[in-house]
Amino acid sequence: MLQTFLKITFRNFLRQKLYTFLNIFGLALGLAATIIIITFSTHELTYDQFHKKSESIFMAYKERITPNETQATYDTW
């Protein structure tokens, strides 16, 4: 049963190459974006968590005003 299903699927992939490529490319792109978002979120949520007193660490937000623009900077205390 499984072998028949795989054979039919493979034949459909060969007949509709563009549709197959778009589906696989979309799936790969979606998985890559999900992995990047999860990695970024995990990094941001666990920032400075390896310290013993990590709840005492604060991040200060400053704006540096230059003649051309305003720059946002962050410092850790």
PDB file of N, CA and C in Angstrom:
ATOM      1  N   MET A   1       0.830  -1.201   0.000  1.00  0.00           N
ATOM      2  CA  MET A   1       0.000   0.000   0.000  1.00  0.00           C
ATOM      3  C   MET A   1       0.872   1.262   0.000  1.00  0.00           C
ATOM      4  N   LEU A   2       1.838   1.278   0.893  1.00  0.00           N
ATOM      5  CA  LEU A   2       2.722   2.445   0.980  1.00  0.00           C
ATOM      6  C   LEU A   2       3.568   2.587  -0.283  1.00  0.00           C
ATOM      7  N   GLN A   3       4.021   1.440  -0.795  1.00  0.00           N
ATOM      8  CA  GLN A   3       4.835   1.478  -2.005  1.00  0.00           C
ATOM      9  C   GLN A   3       4.028   2.034  -3.188  1.00  0.00           C
ATOM     10  N   THR A   4       2.772   1.655  -3.295  1.00  0.00           N
ATOM     11  CA  THR A   4       1.902   2.161  -4.360  1.00  0.00           C
ATOM     12  C   THR A   4       1.678   3.659  -4.206  1.00  0.00           C
ATOM     13  N   PHE A   5       1.450   4.096  -2.977  1.00  0.00           N
ATOM     14  CA  PHE A   5       1.241   5.525  -2.722  1.00  0.00           C
ATOM     15  C   PHE A   5       2.478   6.334  -3.093  1.00  0.00           C
ATOM     16  N   LEU A   6       3.656   5.844  -2.732  1.00  0.00           N
ATOM     17  CA  LEU A   6       4.892   6.552  -3.071  1.00  0.00           C
ATOM     18  C   LEU A   6       5.126   6.580  -4.582  1.00  0.00           C
ATOM     19  N   LYS A   7       4.785   5.497  -5.265  1.00  0.00           N
ATOM     20  CA  LYS A   7       4.951   5.438  -6.720  1.00  0.00           C
ATOM     21  C   LYS A   7       4.043   6.460  -7.412  1.00  0.00           C
ATOM     22  N   ILE A   8       2.789   6.550  -6.969  1.00  0.00           N
ATOM     23  CA  ILE A   8       1.850   7.517  -7.544  1.00  0.00           C
ATOM     24  C   ILE A   8       2.314   8.945  -7.275  1.00  0.00           C
ATOM     25  N   THR A   9       2.783   9.185  -6.054  1.00  0.00           N
ATOM     26  CA  THR A   9       3.275  10.513  -5.691  1.00  0.00           C
ATOM     27  C   THR A   9       4.472  10.906  -6.560  1.00  0.00           C
ATOM     28  N   PHE A  10       5.411   9.979  -6.734  1.00  0.00           N
ATOM     29  CA  PHE A  10       6.594  10.263  -7.542  1.00  0.00           C
ATOM     30  C   PHE A  10       6.214  10.547  -8.999  1.00  0.00           C
ATOM     31  N   ARG A  11       5.257   9.821  -9.535  1.00  0.00           N
ATOM     32  CA  ARG A  11       4.813  10.055 -10.917  1.00  0.00           C
ATOM     33  C   ARG A  11       4.170  11.439 -11.059  1.00  0.00           C
ATOM     34  N   ASN A  12       3.378  11.833 -10.067  1.00  0.00           N
ATOM     35  CA  ASN A  12       2.776  13.163 -10.108  1.00  0.00           C
ATOM     36  C   ASN A  12       3.843  14.253 -10.014  1.00  0.00           C
ATOM     37  N   PHE A  13       4.879  14.019  -9.219  1.00  0.00           N
ATOM     38  CA  PHE A  13       5.977  14.988  -9.134  1.00  0.00           C
ATOM     39  C   PHE A  13       6.656  15.167 -10.491  1.00  0.00           C
ATOM     40  N   LEU A  14       6.836  14.055 -11.207  1.00  0.00           N
ATOM     41  CA  LEU A  14       7.489  14.139 -12.513  1.00  0.00           C
ATOM     42  C   LEU A  14       6.598  14.830 -13.546  1.00  0.00           C
ATOM     43  N   ARG A  15       5.293  14.667 -13.456  1.00  0.00           N
ATOM     44  CA  ARG A  15       4.380  15.296 -14.419  1.00  0.00           C
ATOM     45  C   ARG A  15       4.239  16.792 -14.191  1.00  0.00           C
ATOM     46  N   GLN A  16       4.192  17.202 -12.952  1.00  0.00           N
ATOM     47  CA  GLN A  16       3.960  18.612 -12.610  1.00  0.00           C
ATOM     48  C   GLN A  16       5.192  19.183 -11.901  1.00  0.00           C
ATOM     49  N   LYS A  17       6.245  19.405 -12.682  1.00  0.00           N
ATOM     50  CA  LYS A  17       7.526  19.810 -12.113  1.00  0.00           C
ATOM     51  C   LYS A  17       7.478  21.208 -11.493  1.00  0.00           C
ATOM     52  N   LEU A  18       6.837  22.140 -12.149  1.00  0.00           N
ATOM     53  CA  LEU A  18       6.788  23.508 -11.623  1.00  0.00           C
ATOM     54  C   LEU A  18       5.996  23.560 -10.324  1.00  0.00           C
ATOM     55  N   TYR A  19       4.850  22.919 -10.300  1.00  0.00           N
ATOM     56  CA  TYR A  19       4.013  22.887  -9.111  1.00  0.00           C
ATOM     57  C   TYR A  19       4.753  22.213  -7.945  1.00  0.00           C
ATOM     58  N   THR A  20       5.471  21.130  -8.246  1.00  0.00           N
ATOM     59  CA  THR A  20       6.249  20.435  -7.224  1.00  0.00           C
ATOM     60  C   THR A  20       7.357  21.333  -6.699  1.00  0.00           C
ATOM     61  N   PHE A  21       8.060  22.006  -7.603  1.00  0.00           N
ATOM     62  CA  PHE A  21       9.136  22.902  -7.181  1.00  0.00           C
ATOM     63  C   PHE A  21       8.604  24.016  -6.295  1.00  0.00           C
ATOM     64  N   LEU A  22       7.481  24.622  -6.681  1.00  0.00           N
ATOM     65  CA  LEU A  22       6.915  25.702  -5.879  1.00  0.00           C
ATOM     66  C   LEU A  22       6.500  25.221  -4.491  1.00  0.00           C
ATOM     67  N   ASN A  23       5.910  24.050  -4.415  1.00  0.00           N
ATOM     68  CA  ASN A  23       5.508  23.505  -3.119  1.00  0.00           C
ATOM     69  C   ASN A  23       6.707  23.216  -2.224  1.00  0.00           C
ATOM     70  N   ILE A  24       7.728  22.588  -2.767  1.00  0.00           N
ATOM     71  CA  ILE A  24       8.914  22.258  -1.970  1.00  0.00           C
ATOM     72  C   ILE A  24       9.665  23.518  -1.596  1.00  0.00           C
ATOM     73  N   PHE A  25       9.773  24.476  -2.516  1.00  0.00           N
ATOM     74  CA  PHE A  25      10.456  25.735  -2.215  1.00  0.00           C
ATOM     75  C   PHE A  25       9.711  26.516  -1.131  1.00  0.00           C
ATOM     76  N   GLY A  26       8.393  26.552  -1.216  1.00  0.00           N
ATOM     77  CA  GLY A  26       7.605  27.243  -0.199  1.00  0.00           C
ATOM     78  C   GLY A  26       7.730  26.586   1.158  1.00  0.00           C
ATOM     79  N   LEU A  27       7.733  25.268   1.187  1.00  0.00           N
ATOM     80  CA  LEU A  27       7.900  24.552   2.444  1.00  0.00           C
ATOM     81  C   LEU A  27       9.271  24.819   3.045  1.00  0.00           C
ATOM     82  N   ALA A  28      10.309  24.782   2.233  1.00  0.00           N
ATOM     83  CA  ALA A  28      11.667  25.038   2.717  1.00  0.00           C
ATOM     84  C   ALA A  28      11.807  26.469   3.224  1.00  0.00           C
ATOM     85  N   LEU A  29      11.230  27.409   2.511  1.00  0.00           N
ATOM     86  CA  LEU A  29      11.293  28.813   2.921  1.00  0.00           C
ATOM     87  C   LEU A  29      10.557  29.030   4.243  1.00  0.00           C
ATOM     88  N   GLY A  30       9.396  28.419   4.389  1.00  0.00           N
ATOM     89  CA  GLY A  30       8.635  28.535   5.622  1.00  0.00           C
ATOM     90  C   GLY A  30       9.363  27.925   6.808  1.00  0.00           C
ATOM     91  N   LEU A  31       9.963  26.755   6.606  1.00  0.00           N
ATOM     92  CA  LEU A  31      10.724  26.124   7.684  1.00  0.00           C
ATOM     93  C   LEU A  31      11.945  26.945   8.059  1.00  0.00           C
ATOM     94  N   ALA A  32      12.640  27.499   7.078  1.00  0.00           N
ATOM     95  CA  ALA A  32      13.812  28.323   7.358  1.00  0.00           C
ATOM     96  C   ALA A  32      13.423  29.575   8.140  1.00  0.00           C
ATOM     97  N   ALA A  33      12.339  30.219   7.743  1.00  0.00           N
ATOM     98  CA  ALA A  33      11.882  31.418   8.458  1.00  0.00           C
ATOM     99  C   ALA A  33      11.475  31.076   9.882  1.00  0.00           C
ATOM    100  N   THR A  34      10.810  29.946  10.077  1.00  0.00           N
ATOM    101  CA  THR A  34      10.414  29.527  11.419  1.00  0.00           C
ATOM    102  C   THR A  34      11.623  29.271  12.299  1.00  0.00           C
ATOM    103  N   ILE A  35      12.621  28.601  11.764  1.00  0.00           N
ATOM    104  CA  ILE A  35      13.835  28.318  12.534  1.00  0.00           C
ATOM    105  C   ILE A  35      14.553  29.610  12.897  1.00  0.00           C
ATOM    106  N   ILE A  36      14.638  30.552  11.971  1.00  0.00           N
ATOM    107  CA  ILE A  36      15.300  31.827  12.250  1.00  0.00           C
ATOM    108  C   ILE A  36      14.544  32.607  13.318  1.00  0.00           C
ATOM    109  N   ILE A  37      13.222  32.645  13.238  1.00  0.00           N
ATOM    110  CA  ILE A  37      12.417  33.368  14.227  1.00  0.00           C
ATOM    111  C   ILE A  37      12.558  32.739  15.608  1.00  0.00           C
ATOM    112  N   ILE A  38      12.514  31.414  15.683  1.00  0.00           N
ATOM    113  CA  ILE A  38      12.657  30.735  16.978  1.00  0.00           C
ATOM    114  C   ILE A  38      14.047  30.962  17.555  1.00  0.00           C
ATOM    115  N   THR A  39      15.074  30.900  16.731  1.00  0.00           N
ATOM    116  CA  THR A  39      16.439  31.132  17.204  1.00  0.00           C
ATOM    117  C   THR A  39      16.601  32.555  17.723  1.00  0.00           C
ATOM    118  N   PHE A  40      16.092  33.533  16.994  1.00  0.00           N
ATOM    119  CA  PHE A  40      16.195  34.921  17.415  1.00  0.00           C
ATOM    120  C   PHE A  40      15.425  35.154  18.713  1.00  0.00           C
ATOM    121  N   SER A  41      14.213  34.608  18.804  1.00  0.00           N
ATOM    122  CA  SER A  41      13.399  34.792  20.002  1.00  0.00           C
ATOM    123  C   SER A  41      14.056  34.153  21.218  1.00  0.00           C
ATOM    124  N   THR A  42      14.593  32.967  21.058  1.00  0.00           N
ATOM    125  CA  THR A  42      15.280  32.297  22.164  1.00  0.00           C
ATOM    126  C   THR A  42      16.477  33.105  22.630  1.00  0.00           C
ATOM    127  N   HIS A  43      17.227  33.652  21.698  1.00  0.00           N
ATOM    128  CA  HIS A  43      18.391  34.462  22.069  1.00  0.00           C
ATOM    129  C   HIS A  43      17.973  35.714  22.828  1.00  0.00           C
ATOM    130  N   GLU A  44      16.939  36.373  22.366  1.00  0.00           N
ATOM    131  CA  GLU A  44      16.494  37.602  23.022  1.00  0.00           C
ATOM    132  C   GLU A  44      15.900  37.331  24.406  1.00  0.00           C
ATOM    133  N   LEU A  45      15.192  36.238  24.563  1.00  0.00           N
ATOM    134  CA  LEU A  45      14.548  35.946  25.842  1.00  0.00           C
ATOM    135  C   LEU A  45      15.514  35.411  26.891  1.00  0.00           C
ATOM    136  N   THR A  46      16.645  34.847  26.468  1.00  0.00           N
ATOM    137  CA  THR A  46      17.614  34.310  27.412  1.00  0.00           C
ATOM    138  C   THR A  46      18.864  35.179  27.504  1.00  0.00           C
ATOM    139  N   TYR A  47      18.744  36.433  27.138  1.00  0.00           N
ATOM    140  CA  TYR A  47      19.891  37.336  27.157  1.00  0.00           C
ATOM    141  C   TYR A  47      20.373  37.538  28.598  1.00  0.00           C
ATOM    142  N   ASP A  48      21.631  37.300  28.879  1.00  0.00           N
ATOM    143  CA  ASP A  48      22.272  37.450  30.193  1.00  0.00           C
ATOM    144  C   ASP A  48      21.658  36.550  31.265  1.00  0.00           C
ATOM    145  N   GLN A  49      21.087  35.431  30.897  1.00  0.00           N
ATOM    146  CA  GLN A  49      20.505  34.518  31.875  1.00  0.00           C
ATOM    147  C   GLN A  49      21.545  33.603  32.525  1.00  0.00           C
ATOM    148  N   PHE A  50      22.778  33.611  32.040  1.00  0.00           N
ATOM    149  CA  PHE A  50      23.789  32.722  32.588  1.00  0.00           C
ATOM    150  C   PHE A  50      24.430  33.287  33.846  1.00  0.00           C
ATOM    151  N   HIS A  51      24.162  34.544  34.192  1.00  0.00           N
ATOM    152  CA  HIS A  51      24.707  35.141  35.414  1.00  0.00           C
ATOM    153  C   HIS A  51      23.941  34.642  36.633  1.00  0.00           C
ATOM    154  N   LYS A  52      24.611  34.640  37.791  1.00  0.00           N
ATOM    155  CA  LYS A  52      23.962  34.172  39.022  1.00  0.00           C
ATOM    156  C   LYS A  52      22.806  35.077  39.420  1.00  0.00           C
ATOM    157  N   LYS A  53      22.991  36.380  39.313  1.00  0.00           N
ATOM    158  CA  LYS A  53      21.943  37.336  39.680  1.00  0.00           C
ATOM    159  C   LYS A  53      21.428  38.030  38.419  1.00  0.00           C
ATOM    160  N   SER A  54      20.933  37.236  37.508  1.00  0.00           N
ATOM    161  CA  SER A  54      20.502  37.781  36.227  1.00  0.00           C
ATOM    162  C   SER A  54      19.284  38.685  36.354  1.00  0.00           C
ATOM    163  N   GLU A  55      18.483  38.535  37.409  1.00  0.00           N
ATOM    164  CA  GLU A  55      17.316  39.399  37.580  1.00  0.00           C
ATOM    165  C   GLU A  55      17.721  40.819  37.975  1.00  0.00           C
ATOM    166  N   SER A  56      18.987  41.011  38.380  1.00  0.00           N
ATOM    167  CA  SER A  56      19.461  42.342  38.766  1.00  0.00           C
ATOM    168  C   SER A  56      20.099  43.099  37.601  1.00  0.00           C
ATOM    169  N   ILE A  57      20.174  42.503  36.444  1.00  0.00           N
ATOM    170  CA  ILE A  57      20.786  43.143  35.281  1.00  0.00           C
ATOM    171  C   ILE A  57      19.704  43.896  34.517  1.00  0.00           C
ATOM    172  N   PHE A  58      19.994  45.141  34.199  1.00  0.00           N
ATOM    173  CA  PHE A  58      19.043  45.974  33.465  1.00  0.00           C
ATOM    174  C   PHE A  58      19.699  46.484  32.196  1.00  0.00           C
ATOM    175  N   MET A  59      18.890  46.750  31.203  1.00  0.00           N
ATOM    176  CA  MET A  59      19.387  47.295  29.962  1.00  0.00           C
ATOM    177  C   MET A  59      18.866  48.722  29.840  1.00  0.00           C
ATOM    178  N   ALA A  60      19.787  49.651  29.694  1.00  0.00           N
ATOM    179  CA  ALA A  60      19.416  51.063  29.607  1.00  0.00           C
ATOM    180  C   ALA A  60      19.342  51.493  28.141  1.00  0.00           C
ATOM    181  N   TYR A  61      18.286  52.199  27.826  1.00  0.00           N
ATOM    182  CA  TYR A  61      18.068  52.710  26.470  1.00  0.00           C
ATOM    183  C   TYR A  61      18.460  54.176  26.433  1.00  0.00           C
ATOM    184  N   LYS A  62      19.307  54.531  25.490  1.00  0.00           N
ATOM    185  CA  LYS A  62      19.722  55.920  25.339  1.00  0.00           C
ATOM    186  C   LYS A  62      19.540  56.345  23.888  1.00  0.00           C
ATOM    187  N   GLU A  63      19.280  57.605  23.707  1.00  0.00           N
ATOM    188  CA  GLU A  63      19.229  58.161  22.356  1.00  0.00           C
ATOM    189  C   GLU A  63      20.347  59.175  22.222  1.00  0.00           C
ATOM    190  N   ARG A  64      21.196  58.953  21.257  1.00  0.00           N
ATOM    191  CA  ARG A  64      22.298  59.862  20.982  1.00  0.00           C
ATOM    192  C   ARG A  64      21.874  60.754  19.825  1.00  0.00           C
ATOM    193  N   ILE A  65      21.843  62.038  20.065  1.00  0.00           N
ATOM    194  CA  ILE A  65      21.412  62.992  19.040  1.00  0.00           C
ATOM    195  C   ILE A  65      22.653  63.523  18.325  1.00  0.00           C
ATOM    196  N   THR A  66      22.703  63.293  17.030  1.00  0.00           N
ATOM    197  CA  THR A  66      23.793  63.789  16.204  1.00  0.00           C
ATOM    198  C   THR A  66      23.220  64.848  15.266  1.00  0.00           C
ATOM    199  N   PRO A  67      24.067  65.585  14.590  1.00  0.00           N
ATOM    200  CA  PRO A  67      23.545  66.603  13.670  1.00  0.00           C
ATOM    201  C   PRO A  67      22.665  66.030  12.549  1.00  0.00           C
ATOM    202  N   ASN A  68      22.897  64.791  12.175  1.00  0.00           N
ATOM    203  CA  ASN A  68      22.144  64.209  11.056  1.00  0.00           C
ATOM    204  C   ASN A  68      20.955  63.348  11.483  1.00  0.00           C
ATOM    205  N   GLU A  69      21.063  62.678  12.634  1.00  0.00           N
ATOM    206  CA  GLU A  69      20.021  61.733  13.019  1.00  0.00           C
ATOM    207  C   GLU A  69      20.057  61.469  14.522  1.00  0.00           C
ATOM    208  N   THR A  70      19.094  60.676  14.966  1.00  0.00           N
ATOM    209  CA  THR A  70      19.066  60.212  16.339  1.00  0.00           C
ATOM    210  C   THR A  70      19.365  58.727  16.353  1.00  0.00           C
ATOM    211  N   GLN A  71      20.368  58.308  17.138  1.00  0.00           N
ATOM    212  CA  GLN A  71      20.784  56.919  17.178  1.00  0.00           C
ATOM    213  C   GLN A  71      20.344  56.294  18.506  1.00  0.00           C
ATOM    214  N   ALA A  72      19.730  55.133  18.445  1.00  0.00           N
ATOM    215  CA  ALA A  72      19.343  54.397  19.647  1.00  0.00           C
ATOM    216  C   ALA A  72      20.501  53.497  20.064  1.00  0.00           C
ATOM    217  N   THR A  73      20.877  53.567  21.330  1.00  0.00           N
ATOM    218  CA  THR A  73      21.937  52.718  21.856  1.00  0.00           C
ATOM    219  C   THR A  73      21.432  52.028  23.126  1.00  0.00           C
ATOM    220  N   TYR A  74      21.974  50.845  23.384  1.00  0.00           N
ATOM    221  CA  TYR A  74      21.598  50.076  24.563  1.00  0.00           C
ATOM    222  C   TYR A  74      22.859  49.750  25.359  1.00  0.00           C
ATOM    223  N   ASP A  75      22.790  49.886  26.648  1.00  0.00           N
ATOM    224  CA  ASP A  75      23.900  49.556  27.536  1.00  0.00           C
ATOM    225  C   ASP A  75      23.400  48.590  28.599  1.00  0.00           C
ATOM    226  N   THR A  76      24.289  47.706  29.036  1.00  0.00           N
ATOM    227  CA  THR A  76      23.952  46.779  30.106  1.00  0.00           C
ATOM    228  C   THR A  76      24.714  47.181  31.354  1.00  0.00           C
ATOM    229  N   TRP A  77      23.996  47.210  32.463  1.00  0.00           N
ATOM    230  CA  TRP A  77      24.624  47.581  33.747  1.00  0.00           C
ATOM    231  C   TRP A  77      24.728  46.376  34.619  1.00  0.00           C
TER     232      TRP A  77
END
